[in-house]
Amino acid sequence: MDLLAETDSKSSNWSVAFRNIDRFVRLRRFESLNLEALLCGIRVRHIAWLHPPNTHPNHKLSKSDLLKRQELISELVYYIFDSFVIPLIRTNFHVTESSTHRNKLFYFRHDVWKRLTEPSLASLKMNMLEEVGGERAFKAMGKQTLGFSQVRLLPKAKGMRPITNLRRRVQVTQNGVTYMAKSINSLLAPAFSVLNLEKVGPMHTQVLRKFTNA
């Protein structure tokens, strides 16, 4: 049974579905495509499996019948995207923005992405990061509340740019209680304010002196 084909053999439902998949793939970062937009253009009246038993396809629909058919098609379209389209993309591609094209998204095959990032990861491990064993890491995490962050790579014109999201809150379990810990940024905010005051304070003093002498 064709899930979207219409009984009048003039089906445009699949073309609408494929067009919406193309729209979904072309979305930029922070853009979204809601279910209502995905359903726009799909005709439910003549889809065979939605017909009640012993009814003609051209039979006039009641409002409740039409709403029920739309509800079923909504669930089907959501299922197609949630269980097929998105997992298919995740399985085959690494999707990321770049540091030179703002919010435009790029799709890299996993094998291509691995070859691109291996030199940058090797450089990070050698020059910036220090590998810590699991036991040592757990001990360090137990003594402090600063938490940790993940490093990800953004492609740029030449090489990769490492970035970390210090605003992200992580889930922590202490004494059998699980809760969302504060982000690293929020924990470092008081220290940052003090250091920033030390940096800006002398500058303000010099400006005030110049203004007073003038």
C-alpha atoms as a PDB file:
ATOM      1  CA  MET A   1       0.000   0.000   0.000  1.00  0.00           C
ATOM      2  CA  ASP A   2       1.341   3.415  -0.997  1.00  0.00           C
ATOM      3  CA  LEU A   3       1.050   5.599   2.083  1.00  0.00           C
ATOM      4  CA  LEU A   4       0.759   8.946   0.294  1.00  0.00           C
ATOM      5  CA  ALA A   5      -0.410   8.107  -3.241  1.00  0.00           C
ATOM      6  CA  GLU A   6      -3.903   9.210  -4.221  1.00  0.00           C
ATOM      7  CA  THR A   7      -6.555   7.000  -5.800  1.00  0.00           C
ATOM      8  CA  ASP A   8      -7.002   9.307  -8.804  1.00  0.00           C
ATOM      9  CA  SER A   9      -3.452   8.371 -10.044  1.00  0.00           C
ATOM     10  CA  LYS A  10      -2.559  12.082 -10.208  1.00  0.00           C
ATOM     11  CA  SER A  11      -0.708  12.038  -6.933  1.00  0.00           C
ATOM     12  CA  SER A  12       1.373  15.047  -6.032  1.00  0.00           C
ATOM     13  CA  ASN A  13       1.690  14.069  -2.389  1.00  0.00           C
ATOM     14  CA  TRP A  14       5.057  12.373  -2.789  1.00  0.00           C
ATOM     15  CA  SER A  15       6.436  15.321  -4.739  1.00  0.00           C
ATOM     16  CA  VAL A  16       5.281  17.585  -1.900  1.00  0.00           C
ATOM     17  CA  ALA A  17       6.946  15.254   0.639  1.00  0.00           C
ATOM     18  CA  PHE A  18      10.245  15.178  -1.276  1.00  0.00           C
ATOM     19  CA  ARG A  19      10.136  18.945  -1.712  1.00  0.00           C
ATOM     20  CA  ASN A  20       9.711  19.335   2.043  1.00  0.00           C
ATOM     21  CA  ILE A  21      12.622  16.964   2.688  1.00  0.00           C
ATOM     22  CA  ASP A  22      14.719  19.175   0.406  1.00  0.00           C
ATOM     23  CA  ARG A  23      13.575  22.247   2.354  1.00  0.00           C
ATOM     24  CA  PHE A  24      14.485  20.517   5.614  1.00  0.00           C
ATOM     25  CA  VAL A  25      17.988  19.648   4.384  1.00  0.00           C
ATOM     26  CA  ARG A  26      18.560  23.222   3.187  1.00  0.00           C
ATOM     27  CA  LEU A  27      17.585  24.839   6.501  1.00  0.00           C
ATOM     28  CA  ARG A  28      20.125  27.155   8.065  1.00  0.00           C
ATOM     29  CA  ARG A  29      21.185  26.992  11.687  1.00  0.00           C
ATOM     30  CA  PHE A  30      18.441  28.152  14.100  1.00  0.00           C
ATOM     31  CA  GLU A  31      15.790  27.843  11.350  1.00  0.00           C
ATOM     32  CA  SER A  32      12.963  25.353  11.806  1.00  0.00           C
ATOM     33  CA  LEU A  33      10.259  23.672   9.768  1.00  0.00           C
ATOM     34  CA  ASN A  34       7.090  22.938  11.708  1.00  0.00           C
ATOM     35  CA  LEU A  35       4.626  20.131  11.079  1.00  0.00           C
ATOM     36  CA  GLU A  36       2.030  22.500   9.626  1.00  0.00           C
ATOM     37  CA  ALA A  37       4.486  23.567   6.920  1.00  0.00           C
ATOM     38  CA  LEU A  38       5.324  19.931   6.153  1.00  0.00           C
ATOM     39  CA  LEU A  39       1.636  19.145   5.640  1.00  0.00           C
ATOM     40  CA  CYS A  40       0.974  22.123   3.388  1.00  0.00           C
ATOM     41  CA  GLY A  41       0.099  20.862  -0.099  1.00  0.00           C
ATOM     42  CA  ILE A  42      -0.626  17.247   0.860  1.00  0.00           C
ATOM     43  CA  ARG A  43      -4.115  16.189  -0.207  1.00  0.00           C
ATOM     44  CA  VAL A  44      -5.740  13.743   2.185  1.00  0.00           C
ATOM     45  CA  ARG A  45      -9.140  13.358   0.552  1.00  0.00           C
ATOM     46  CA  HIS A  46      -8.185  10.655  -1.943  1.00  0.00           C
ATOM     47  CA  ILE A  47      -5.550   8.673  -0.032  1.00  0.00           C
ATOM     48  CA  ALA A  48      -6.862   5.116  -0.213  1.00  0.00           C
ATOM     49  CA  TRP A  49      -6.000   3.830   3.257  1.00  0.00           C
ATOM     50  CA  LEU A  50      -7.777   6.797   4.860  1.00  0.00           C
ATOM     51  CA  HIS A  51     -11.146   5.854   3.349  1.00  0.00           C
ATOM     52  CA  PRO A  52     -13.654   4.409   5.782  1.00  0.00           C
ATOM     53  CA  PRO A  53     -14.959   0.962   4.696  1.00  0.00           C
ATOM     54  CA  ASN A  54     -17.645   0.863   2.000  1.00  0.00           C
ATOM     55  CA  THR A  55     -17.364   4.533   1.057  1.00  0.00           C
ATOM     56  CA  HIS A  56     -16.706   6.107  -2.324  1.00  0.00           C
ATOM     57  CA  PRO A  57     -13.548   8.261  -2.737  1.00  0.00           C
ATOM     58  CA  ASN A  58     -15.663  11.190  -3.923  1.00  0.00           C
ATOM     59  CA  HIS A  59     -18.035  10.919  -0.990  1.00  0.00           C
ATOM     60  CA  LYS A  60     -18.507  14.254   0.757  1.00  0.00           C
ATOM     61  CA  LEU A  61     -16.511  14.414   3.979  1.00  0.00           C
ATOM     62  CA  SER A  62     -17.836  15.559   7.299  1.00  0.00           C
ATOM     63  CA  LYS A  63     -15.685  17.948   9.296  1.00  0.00           C
ATOM     64  CA  SER A  64     -14.886  15.295  11.922  1.00  0.00           C
ATOM     65  CA  ASP A  65     -13.867  12.805   9.195  1.00  0.00           C
ATOM     66  CA  LEU A  66     -11.583  15.355   7.529  1.00  0.00           C
ATOM     67  CA  LEU A  67      -9.972  16.327  10.834  1.00  0.00           C
ATOM     68  CA  LYS A  68      -9.334  12.682  11.685  1.00  0.00           C
ATOM     69  CA  ARG A  69      -7.692  12.063   8.307  1.00  0.00           C
ATOM     70  CA  GLN A  70      -5.511  15.138   8.769  1.00  0.00           C
ATOM     71  CA  GLU A  71      -4.544  13.914  12.229  1.00  0.00           C
ATOM     72  CA  LEU A  72      -3.490  10.514  10.853  1.00  0.00           C
ATOM     73  CA  ILE A  73      -1.481  12.086   8.031  1.00  0.00           C
ATOM     74  CA  SER A  74       0.179  14.423  10.555  1.00  0.00           C
ATOM     75  CA  GLU A  75       1.324  11.442  12.605  1.00  0.00           C
ATOM     76  CA  LEU A  76       2.590   9.694   9.465  1.00  0.00           C
ATOM     77  CA  VAL A  77       4.577  12.706   8.238  1.00  0.00           C
ATOM     78  CA  TYR A  78       6.049  13.241  11.703  1.00  0.00           C
ATOM     79  CA  TYR A  79       7.027   9.565  11.797  1.00  0.00           C
ATOM     80  CA  ILE A  80       8.713   9.780   8.375  1.00  0.00           C
ATOM     81  CA  PHE A  81      10.875  12.711   9.433  1.00  0.00           C
ATOM     82  CA  ASP A  82      11.532  11.610  13.017  1.00  0.00           C
ATOM     83  CA  SER A  83      12.226   7.926  12.307  1.00  0.00           C
ATOM     84  CA  PHE A  84      13.658   7.968   8.775  1.00  0.00           C
ATOM     85  CA  VAL A  85      14.884  11.333   7.488  1.00  0.00           C
ATOM     86  CA  ILE A  86      16.709  12.573  10.616  1.00  0.00           C
ATOM     87  CA  PRO A  87      18.296   9.186  11.542  1.00  0.00           C
ATOM     88  CA  LEU A  88      19.356   8.753   7.891  1.00  0.00           C
ATOM     89  CA  ILE A  89      21.129  12.119   7.946  1.00  0.00           C
ATOM     90  CA  ARG A  90      22.791  11.394  11.303  1.00  0.00           C
ATOM     91  CA  THR A  91      23.956   7.979  10.123  1.00  0.00           C
ATOM     92  CA  ASN A  92      25.589   9.244   6.941  1.00  0.00           C
ATOM     93  CA  PHE A  93      26.613  12.849   7.547  1.00  0.00           C
ATOM     94  CA  HIS A  94      28.249  15.152  10.057  1.00  0.00           C
ATOM     95  CA  VAL A  95      26.250  18.390   9.901  1.00  0.00           C
ATOM     96  CA  THR A  96      27.932  21.600  11.006  1.00  0.00           C
ATOM     97  CA  GLU A  97      28.140  25.314  10.369  1.00  0.00           C
ATOM     98  CA  SER A  98      31.438  26.948   9.456  1.00  0.00           C
ATOM     99  CA  SER A  99      33.315  29.952  10.800  1.00  0.00           C
ATOM    100  CA  THR A 100      33.235  31.729   7.421  1.00  0.00           C
ATOM    101  CA  HIS A 101      29.634  31.158   6.245  1.00  0.00           C
ATOM    102  CA  ARG A 102      27.755  32.159   9.405  1.00  0.00           C
ATOM    103  CA  ASN A 103      24.640  29.978   9.845  1.00  0.00           C
ATOM    104  CA  LYS A 104      24.792  28.001   6.616  1.00  0.00           C
ATOM    105  CA  LEU A 105      24.957  24.254   7.290  1.00  0.00           C
ATOM    106  CA  PHE A 106      27.291  21.850   5.538  1.00  0.00           C
ATOM    107  CA  TYR A 107      26.918  18.079   5.215  1.00  0.00           C
ATOM    108  CA  PHE A 108      30.123  16.029   5.376  1.00  0.00           C
ATOM    109  CA  ARG A 109      30.192  12.275   4.904  1.00  0.00           C
ATOM    110  CA  HIS A 110      31.579  10.716   8.075  1.00  0.00           C
ATOM    111  CA  ASP A 111      34.659   9.312   6.332  1.00  0.00           C
ATOM    112  CA  VAL A 112      35.408  12.714   4.762  1.00  0.00           C
ATOM    113  CA  TRP A 113      34.901  14.502   8.094  1.00  0.00           C
ATOM    114  CA  LYS A 114      37.265  12.071   9.816  1.00  0.00           C
ATOM    115  CA  ARG A 115      40.025  12.751   7.286  1.00  0.00           C
ATOM    116  CA  LEU A 116      39.498  16.507   7.622  1.00  0.00           C
ATOM    117  CA  THR A 117      39.566  16.607  11.418  1.00  0.00           C
ATOM    118  CA  GLU A 118      42.304  14.097  12.243  1.00  0.00           C
ATOM    119  CA  PRO A 119      45.192  16.596  11.720  1.00  0.00           C
ATOM    120  CA  SER A 120      43.481  19.269  13.837  1.00  0.00           C
ATOM    121  CA  LEU A 121      42.687  16.809  16.638  1.00  0.00           C
ATOM    122  CA  ALA A 122      46.280  15.566  16.635  1.00  0.00           C
ATOM    123  CA  SER A 123      47.514  19.172  16.866  1.00  0.00           C
ATOM    124  CA  LEU A 124      45.144  19.915  19.767  1.00  0.00           C
ATOM    125  CA  LYS A 125      46.286  16.855  21.697  1.00  0.00           C
ATOM    126  CA  MET A 126      49.927  17.738  21.154  1.00  0.00           C
ATOM    127  CA  ASN A 127      49.894  21.503  21.762  1.00  0.00           C
ATOM    128  CA  MET A 128      46.837  22.496  23.801  1.00  0.00           C
ATOM    129  CA  LEU A 129      45.259  19.549  25.607  1.00  0.00           C
ATOM    130  CA  GLU A 130      46.540  17.002  28.080  1.00  0.00           C
ATOM    131  CA  GLU A 131      45.104  13.514  28.194  1.00  0.00           C
ATOM    132  CA  VAL A 132      43.784  12.584  31.634  1.00  0.00           C
ATOM    133  CA  GLY A 133      43.041   9.042  32.732  1.00  0.00           C
ATOM    134  CA  GLY A 134      39.586   8.058  33.898  1.00  0.00           C
ATOM    135  CA  GLU A 135      40.492   7.613  37.580  1.00  0.00           C
ATOM    136  CA  ARG A 136      42.335  10.939  37.727  1.00  0.00           C
ATOM    137  CA  ALA A 137      39.455  12.689  35.948  1.00  0.00           C
ATOM    138  CA  PHE A 138      36.850  11.337  38.406  1.00  0.00           C
ATOM    139  CA  LYS A 139      38.983  12.448  41.366  1.00  0.00           C
ATOM    140  CA  ALA A 140      39.406  15.931  39.915  1.00  0.00           C
ATOM    141  CA  MET A 141      35.690  16.221  39.177  1.00  0.00           C
ATOM    142  CA  GLY A 142      34.865  15.163  42.739  1.00  0.00           C
ATOM    143  CA  LYS A 143      36.956  17.980  44.212  1.00  0.00           C
ATOM    144  CA  GLN A 144      35.589  20.845  42.141  1.00  0.00           C
ATOM    145  CA  THR A 145      32.296  22.141  40.786  1.00  0.00           C
ATOM    146  CA  LEU A 146      33.676  23.720  37.627  1.00  0.00           C
ATOM    147  CA  GLY A 147      32.526  20.858  35.432  1.00  0.00           C
ATOM    148  CA  PHE A 148      33.633  20.136  31.888  1.00  0.00           C
ATOM    149  CA  SER A 149      32.804  20.979  28.298  1.00  0.00           C
ATOM    150  CA  GLN A 150      33.040  19.279  24.920  1.00  0.00           C
ATOM    151  CA  VAL A 151      35.287  20.486  22.129  1.00  0.00           C
ATOM    152  CA  ARG A 152      33.985  20.589  18.583  1.00  0.00           C
ATOM    153  CA  LEU A 153      35.612  21.685  15.362  1.00  0.00           C
ATOM    154  CA  LEU A 154      34.320  24.255  12.892  1.00  0.00           C
ATOM    155  CA  PRO A 155      35.713  24.208   9.358  1.00  0.00           C
ATOM    156  CA  LYS A 156      37.250  27.441   8.126  1.00  0.00           C
ATOM    157  CA  ALA A 157      39.091  28.532   4.996  1.00  0.00           C
ATOM    158  CA  LYS A 158      42.238  26.717   6.130  1.00  0.00           C
ATOM    159  CA  GLY A 159      42.038  24.085   8.835  1.00  0.00           C
ATOM    160  CA  MET A 160      39.638  23.826  11.739  1.00  0.00           C
ATOM    161  CA  ARG A 161      38.628  26.120  14.577  1.00  0.00           C
ATOM    162  CA  PRO A 162      38.132  24.441  17.984  1.00  0.00           C
ATOM    163  CA  ILE A 163      35.275  25.843  20.066  1.00  0.00           C
ATOM    164  CA  THR A 164      33.666  24.891  23.374  1.00  0.00           C
ATOM    165  CA  ASN A 165      30.211  25.675  24.690  1.00  0.00           C
ATOM    166  CA  LEU A 166      30.768  26.933  28.239  1.00  0.00           C
ATOM    167  CA  ARG A 167      27.128  28.001  28.590  1.00  0.00           C
ATOM    168  CA  ARG A 168      25.890  24.418  28.557  1.00  0.00           C
ATOM    169  CA  ARG A 169      24.655  22.946  31.831  1.00  0.00           C
ATOM    170  CA  VAL A 170      25.596  19.345  32.546  1.00  0.00           C
ATOM    171  CA  GLN A 171      23.788  16.690  34.559  1.00  0.00           C
ATOM    172  CA  VAL A 172      25.555  15.816  37.810  1.00  0.00           C
ATOM    173  CA  THR A 173      24.913  13.053  40.339  1.00  0.00           C
ATOM    174  CA  GLN A 174      26.066  13.526  43.928  1.00  0.00           C
ATOM    175  CA  ASN A 175      25.091  11.345  46.885  1.00  0.00           C
ATOM    176  CA  GLY A 176      22.508   9.603  44.741  1.00  0.00           C
ATOM    177  CA  VAL A 177      20.834  12.880  43.739  1.00  0.00           C
ATOM    178  CA  THR A 178      20.854  13.955  40.082  1.00  0.00           C
ATOM    179  CA  TYR A 179      20.513  17.613  39.170  1.00  0.00           C
ATOM    180  CA  MET A 180      21.530  20.148  36.525  1.00  0.00           C
ATOM    181  CA  ALA A 181      24.728  21.874  37.595  1.00  0.00           C
ATOM    182  CA  LYS A 182      25.535  25.489  36.820  1.00  0.00           C
ATOM    183  CA  SER A 183      27.302  26.231  33.574  1.00  0.00           C
ATOM    184  CA  ILE A 184      31.030  26.984  33.545  1.00  0.00           C
ATOM    185  CA  ASN A 185      30.313  30.556  32.410  1.00  0.00           C
ATOM    186  CA  SER A 186      28.019  31.190  35.374  1.00  0.00           C
ATOM    187  CA  LEU A 187      30.587  29.770  37.807  1.00  0.00           C
ATOM    188  CA  LEU A 188      33.399  31.880  36.359  1.00  0.00           C
ATOM    189  CA  ALA A 189      31.289  35.056  36.072  1.00  0.00           C
ATOM    190  CA  PRO A 190      32.350  36.531  39.488  1.00  0.00           C
ATOM    191  CA  ALA A 191      36.051  35.939  38.764  1.00  0.00           C
ATOM    192  CA  PHE A 192      35.642  37.399  35.287  1.00  0.00           C
ATOM    193  CA  SER A 193      33.969  40.514  36.715  1.00  0.00           C
ATOM    194  CA  VAL A 194      36.825  41.040  39.184  1.00  0.00           C
ATOM    195  CA  LEU A 195      39.510  40.631  36.525  1.00  0.00           C
ATOM    196  CA  ASN A 196      37.600  42.831  34.107  1.00  0.00           C
ATOM    197  CA  LEU A 197      37.355  45.542  36.796  1.00  0.00           C
ATOM    198  CA  GLU A 198      41.107  45.297  37.372  1.00  0.00           C
ATOM    199  CA  LYS A 199      41.626  45.731  33.639  1.00  0.00           C
ATOM    200  CA  VAL A 200      39.141  48.555  33.076  1.00  0.00           C
ATOM    201  CA  GLY A 201      39.679  50.391  36.400  1.00  0.00           C
ATOM    202  CA  PRO A 202      43.129  51.906  35.596  1.00  0.00           C
ATOM    203  CA  MET A 203      41.878  52.971  32.170  1.00  0.00           C
ATOM    204  CA  HIS A 204      38.954  54.833  33.749  1.00  0.00           C
ATOM    205  CA  THR A 205      41.331  56.456  36.252  1.00  0.00           C
ATOM    206  CA  GLN A 206      43.554  57.729  33.446  1.00  0.00           C
ATOM    207  CA  VAL A 207      40.566  59.111  31.545  1.00  0.00           C
ATOM    208  CA  LEU A 208      39.287  60.901  34.665  1.00  0.00           C
ATOM    209  CA  ARG A 209      42.727  62.400  35.305  1.00  0.00           C
ATOM    210  CA  LYS A 210      42.966  63.707  31.742  1.00  0.00           C
ATOM    211  CA  PHE A 211      39.447  65.106  31.980  1.00  0.00           C
ATOM    212  CA  THR A 212      40.232  66.792  35.340  1.00  0.00           C
ATOM    213  CA  ASN A 213      43.527  68.278  34.087  1.00  0.00           C
ATOM    214  CA  ALA A 214      41.769  69.609  30.987  1.00  0.00           C
END
